[in-house]
Amino acid sequence: MKPRQSIKAFTLIELILVITILGLLATMVAVNIMPRSAEAKRNAALVQIGHFKNALQLFRFDNGFYPSTEQGLEALVEKPAIGRIPSKWPEQGYLESPTVPRDPWRNPYVYISPGLHGEPFNIISCGADGVEGGEGEDADITSWQVAE
């Protein structure tokens, strides 16, 4: 007679217990990461606005004026064909990318020149909702919030 081989396997209760524990761990991680995601997007928008401000300063240094509201931030990646035409616009533009980046929520930045608050220009991200105003993740992120 052959000795009986023992078969090792998980029972249904063990599988349910493991799945439940994994679910609880995933929930705890998600709850702790979600607020950080909103903060990271806000910081990314502030950094991008800072890059725009630097590029606009270079534009003004080269040409003696800032792009108009109509020319927009696109004047940093493509030589304007409307309004006041810059005489010293570099062939590679003023940004590393060939297009104007969108904010972390995939909305276009708002550019106003002359700006509000006594500034020569303003750059605004309307936050997660893409609408002016709001609180929390929907709050606007503006160029006057970026330190020089």
C-alpha atoms as a PDB file:
ATOM      1  CA  MET A   1       0.000   0.000   0.000  1.00  0.00           C
ATOM      2  CA  LYS A   2       1.196   3.474  -0.898  1.00  0.00           C
ATOM      3  CA  PRO A   3       1.549   6.048   1.811  1.00  0.00           C
ATOM      4  CA  ARG A   4      -1.002   8.783   1.477  1.00  0.00           C
ATOM      5  CA  GLN A   5       0.492  12.043   0.200  1.00  0.00           C
ATOM      6  CA  SER A   6      -0.509  15.103   2.109  1.00  0.00           C
ATOM      7  CA  ILE A   7      -1.951  17.877  -0.020  1.00  0.00           C
ATOM      8  CA  LYS A   8      -1.162  21.356   1.199  1.00  0.00           C
ATOM      9  CA  ALA A   9      -3.579  24.103   0.176  1.00  0.00           C
ATOM     10  CA  PHE A  10      -5.253  27.201   1.544  1.00  0.00           C
ATOM     11  CA  THR A  11      -8.709  26.855   2.913  1.00  0.00           C
ATOM     12  CA  LEU A  12     -11.459  29.233   1.838  1.00  0.00           C
ATOM     13  CA  ILE A  13     -11.369  30.948   5.243  1.00  0.00           C
ATOM     14  CA  GLU A  14      -7.631  31.578   4.968  1.00  0.00           C
ATOM     15  CA  LEU A  15      -8.055  33.100   1.509  1.00  0.00           C
ATOM     16  CA  ILE A  16     -10.874  35.373   2.692  1.00  0.00           C
ATOM     17  CA  LEU A  17      -8.765  36.462   5.666  1.00  0.00           C
ATOM     18  CA  VAL A  18      -5.748  37.316   3.462  1.00  0.00           C
ATOM     19  CA  ILE A  19      -7.920  39.243   0.964  1.00  0.00           C
ATOM     20  CA  THR A  20      -9.545  41.194   3.815  1.00  0.00           C
ATOM     21  CA  ILE A  21      -6.175  42.120   5.312  1.00  0.00           C
ATOM     22  CA  LEU A  22      -4.857  43.248   1.899  1.00  0.00           C
ATOM     23  CA  GLY A  23      -7.995  45.336   1.377  1.00  0.00           C
ATOM     24  CA  LEU A  24      -7.572  47.048   4.746  1.00  0.00           C
ATOM     25  CA  LEU A  25      -3.910  47.785   4.045  1.00  0.00           C
ATOM     26  CA  ALA A  26      -4.747  49.227   0.604  1.00  0.00           C
ATOM     27  CA  THR A  27      -7.430  51.443   2.139  1.00  0.00           C
ATOM     28  CA  MET A  28      -5.051  52.773   4.789  1.00  0.00           C
ATOM     29  CA  VAL A  29      -2.395  53.567   2.181  1.00  0.00           C
ATOM     30  CA  ALA A  30      -4.918  55.293  -0.132  1.00  0.00           C
ATOM     31  CA  VAL A  31      -6.288  57.445   2.695  1.00  0.00           C
ATOM     32  CA  ASN A  32      -2.776  58.632   3.563  1.00  0.00           C
ATOM     33  CA  ILE A  33      -1.665  59.251  -0.043  1.00  0.00           C
ATOM     34  CA  MET A  34      -4.706  61.121  -1.420  1.00  0.00           C
ATOM     35  CA  PRO A  35      -4.140  64.404   0.471  1.00  0.00           C
ATOM     36  CA  ARG A  36      -0.502  64.374  -0.579  1.00  0.00           C
ATOM     37  CA  SER A  37      -1.530  64.114  -4.225  1.00  0.00           C
ATOM     38  CA  ALA A  38      -3.482  67.381  -4.030  1.00  0.00           C
ATOM     39  CA  GLU A  39      -0.560  69.097  -2.281  1.00  0.00           C
ATOM     40  CA  ALA A  40       1.897  67.777  -4.876  1.00  0.00           C
ATOM     41  CA  LYS A  41      -0.263  69.113  -7.733  1.00  0.00           C
ATOM     42  CA  ARG A  42      -0.494  72.522  -6.069  1.00  0.00           C
ATOM     43  CA  ASN A  43       3.301  72.624  -5.637  1.00  0.00           C
ATOM     44  CA  ALA A  44       3.804  71.525  -9.252  1.00  0.00           C
ATOM     45  CA  ALA A  45       1.579  74.392 -10.435  1.00  0.00           C
ATOM     46  CA  LEU A  46       3.548  76.888  -8.326  1.00  0.00           C
ATOM     47  CA  VAL A  47       6.837  75.619  -9.790  1.00  0.00           C
ATOM     48  CA  GLN A  48       5.485  75.800 -13.349  1.00  0.00           C
ATOM     49  CA  ILE A  49       4.226  79.352 -12.782  1.00  0.00           C
ATOM     50  CA  GLY A  50       7.712  80.222 -11.518  1.00  0.00           C
ATOM     51  CA  HIS A  51       9.183  78.883 -14.783  1.00  0.00           C
ATOM     52  CA  PHE A  52       6.700  80.973 -16.783  1.00  0.00           C
ATOM     53  CA  LYS A  53       7.657  84.068 -14.780  1.00  0.00           C
ATOM     54  CA  ASN A  54      11.352  83.510 -15.534  1.00  0.00           C
ATOM     55  CA  ALA A  55      10.639  82.982 -19.228  1.00  0.00           C
ATOM     56  CA  LEU A  56       8.496  86.127 -19.347  1.00  0.00           C
ATOM     57  CA  GLN A  57      11.318  88.107 -17.705  1.00  0.00           C
ATOM     58  CA  LEU A  58      13.683  86.895 -20.455  1.00  0.00           C
ATOM     59  CA  PHE A  59      11.090  87.804 -23.109  1.00  0.00           C
ATOM     60  CA  ARG A  60      10.891  91.330 -21.677  1.00  0.00           C
ATOM     61  CA  PHE A  61      14.685  91.592 -21.383  1.00  0.00           C
ATOM     62  CA  ASP A  62      15.065  90.674 -25.069  1.00  0.00           C
ATOM     63  CA  ASN A  63      12.152  92.689 -26.447  1.00  0.00           C
ATOM     64  CA  GLY A  64      11.387  95.486 -23.987  1.00  0.00           C
ATOM     65  CA  PHE A  65       7.791  94.424 -23.292  1.00  0.00           C
ATOM     66  CA  TYR A  66       5.748  91.484 -22.034  1.00  0.00           C
ATOM     67  CA  PRO A  67       3.438  89.534 -24.345  1.00  0.00           C
ATOM     68  CA  SER A  68      -0.117  90.872 -24.406  1.00  0.00           C
ATOM     69  CA  THR A  69      -3.095  88.932 -23.060  1.00  0.00           C
ATOM     70  CA  GLU A  70      -4.053  88.129 -26.678  1.00  0.00           C
ATOM     71  CA  GLN A  71      -0.593  86.728 -27.417  1.00  0.00           C
ATOM     72  CA  GLY A  72      -0.721  84.728 -24.196  1.00  0.00           C
ATOM     73  CA  LEU A  73       1.846  82.291 -22.908  1.00  0.00           C
ATOM     74  CA  GLU A  74       2.040  80.897 -26.438  1.00  0.00           C
ATOM     75  CA  ALA A  75       4.378  83.849 -27.150  1.00  0.00           C
ATOM     76  CA  LEU A  76       6.972  81.906 -25.165  1.00  0.00           C
ATOM     77  CA  VAL A  77       6.987  78.957 -27.589  1.00  0.00           C
ATOM     78  CA  GLU A  78       5.953  80.562 -30.897  1.00  0.00           C
ATOM     79  CA  LYS A  79       6.779  84.012 -32.231  1.00  0.00           C
ATOM     80  CA  PRO A  80       3.631  86.130 -32.006  1.00  0.00           C
ATOM     81  CA  ALA A  81       1.982  87.089 -35.274  1.00  0.00           C
ATOM     82  CA  ILE A  82      -0.526  89.499 -33.723  1.00  0.00           C
ATOM     83  CA  GLY A  83      -0.125  92.633 -31.652  1.00  0.00           C
ATOM     84  CA  ARG A  84       3.329  93.960 -30.920  1.00  0.00           C
ATOM     85  CA  ILE A  85       5.822  91.675 -32.684  1.00  0.00           C
ATOM     86  CA  PRO A  86       9.027  90.949 -30.725  1.00  0.00           C
ATOM     87  CA  SER A  87      12.180  91.908 -32.622  1.00  0.00           C
ATOM     88  CA  LYS A  88      14.565  89.585 -30.762  1.00  0.00           C
ATOM     89  CA  TRP A  89      12.492  86.438 -30.396  1.00  0.00           C
ATOM     90  CA  PRO A  90      14.895  83.437 -30.249  1.00  0.00           C
ATOM     91  CA  GLU A  91      14.352  80.585 -32.710  1.00  0.00           C
ATOM     92  CA  GLN A  92      14.104  78.019 -29.878  1.00  0.00           C
ATOM     93  CA  GLY A  93      11.614  80.121 -27.903  1.00  0.00           C
ATOM     94  CA  TYR A  94      11.675  80.725 -24.179  1.00  0.00           C
ATOM     95  CA  LEU A  95      10.468  77.346 -22.860  1.00  0.00           C
ATOM     96  CA  GLU A  96      12.119  73.944 -23.163  1.00  0.00           C
ATOM     97  CA  SER A  97       8.927  72.320 -24.428  1.00  0.00           C
ATOM     98  CA  PRO A  98       7.502  73.045 -27.897  1.00  0.00           C
ATOM     99  CA  THR A  99       4.062  73.720 -26.388  1.00  0.00           C
ATOM    100  CA  VAL A 100       2.860  75.608 -23.338  1.00  0.00           C
ATOM    101  CA  PRO A 101       2.393  73.056 -20.543  1.00  0.00           C
ATOM    102  CA  ARG A 102      -1.025  72.755 -18.941  1.00  0.00           C
ATOM    103  CA  ASP A 103      -1.535  72.844 -15.199  1.00  0.00           C
ATOM    104  CA  PRO A 104      -1.414  69.570 -13.200  1.00  0.00           C
ATOM    105  CA  TRP A 105      -5.188  69.145 -13.696  1.00  0.00           C
ATOM    106  CA  ARG A 106      -4.771  69.386 -17.504  1.00  0.00           C
ATOM    107  CA  ASN A 107      -6.343  72.875 -17.712  1.00  0.00           C
ATOM    108  CA  PRO A 108      -4.683  75.773 -19.550  1.00  0.00           C
ATOM    109  CA  TYR A 109      -3.079  78.492 -17.471  1.00  0.00           C
ATOM    110  CA  VAL A 110      -4.700  81.934 -17.634  1.00  0.00           C
ATOM    111  CA  TYR A 111      -2.367  84.770 -18.658  1.00  0.00           C
ATOM    112  CA  ILE A 112      -3.320  88.427 -18.182  1.00  0.00           C
ATOM    113  CA  SER A 113      -1.145  91.370 -19.200  1.00  0.00           C
ATOM    114  CA  PRO A 114      -1.101  93.968 -17.800  1.00  0.00           C
ATOM    115  CA  GLY A 115      -1.842  92.126 -14.616  1.00  0.00           C
ATOM    116  CA  LEU A 116      -3.997  92.776 -11.619  1.00  0.00           C
ATOM    117  CA  HIS A 117      -2.499  93.683  -8.234  1.00  0.00           C
ATOM    118  CA  GLY A 118      -0.111  96.216  -9.850  1.00  0.00           C
ATOM    119  CA  GLU A 119       1.955  93.528 -11.582  1.00  0.00           C
ATOM    120  CA  PRO A 120       2.961  93.596 -15.253  1.00  0.00           C
ATOM    121  CA  PHE A 121       1.294  90.201 -15.794  1.00  0.00           C
ATOM    122  CA  ASN A 122      -0.606  87.481 -13.952  1.00  0.00           C
ATOM    123  CA  ILE A 123      -0.573  83.730 -14.450  1.00  0.00           C
ATOM    124  CA  ILE A 124      -3.389  81.726 -12.898  1.00  0.00           C
ATOM    125  CA  SER A 125      -4.210  78.037 -12.547  1.00  0.00           C
ATOM    126  CA  CYS A 126      -7.868  77.603 -11.651  1.00  0.00           C
ATOM    127  CA  GLY A 127      -7.183  74.456  -9.615  1.00  0.00           C
ATOM    128  CA  ALA A 128      -8.840  71.066  -9.872  1.00  0.00           C
ATOM    129  CA  ASP A 129     -12.254  72.351 -10.949  1.00  0.00           C
ATOM    130  CA  GLY A 130     -10.856  74.579 -13.725  1.00  0.00           C
ATOM    131  CA  VAL A 131     -13.132  77.434 -12.585  1.00  0.00           C
ATOM    132  CA  GLU A 132     -11.992  80.721 -11.064  1.00  0.00           C
ATOM    133  CA  GLY A 133     -12.228  80.819  -7.271  1.00  0.00           C
ATOM    134  CA  GLY A 134     -12.819  77.858  -5.024  1.00  0.00           C
ATOM    135  CA  GLU A 135     -11.361  76.349  -1.894  1.00  0.00           C
ATOM    136  CA  GLY A 136      -9.130  73.411  -1.071  1.00  0.00           C
ATOM    137  CA  GLU A 137      -8.075  71.526  -4.186  1.00  0.00           C
ATOM    138  CA  ASP A 138     -10.295  73.829  -6.289  1.00  0.00           C
ATOM    139  CA  ALA A 139      -8.508  77.001  -5.076  1.00  0.00           C
ATOM    140  CA  ASP A 140      -6.740  79.161  -7.647  1.00  0.00           C
ATOM    141  CA  ILE A 141      -2.943  79.178  -7.774  1.00  0.00           C
ATOM    142  CA  THR A 142      -1.543  82.510  -8.916  1.00  0.00           C
ATOM    143  CA  SER A 143       1.721  84.138  -9.934  1.00  0.00           C
ATOM    144  CA  TRP A 144       1.518  86.587  -7.040  1.00  0.00           C
ATOM    145  CA  GLN A 145       1.733  83.576  -4.670  1.00  0.00           C
ATOM    146  CA  VAL A 146       5.111  82.581  -6.152  1.00  0.00           C
ATOM    147  CA  ALA A 147       8.099  84.086  -4.364  1.00  0.00           C
ATOM    148  CA  GLU A 148      10.620  85.924  -6.485  1.00  0.00           C
END
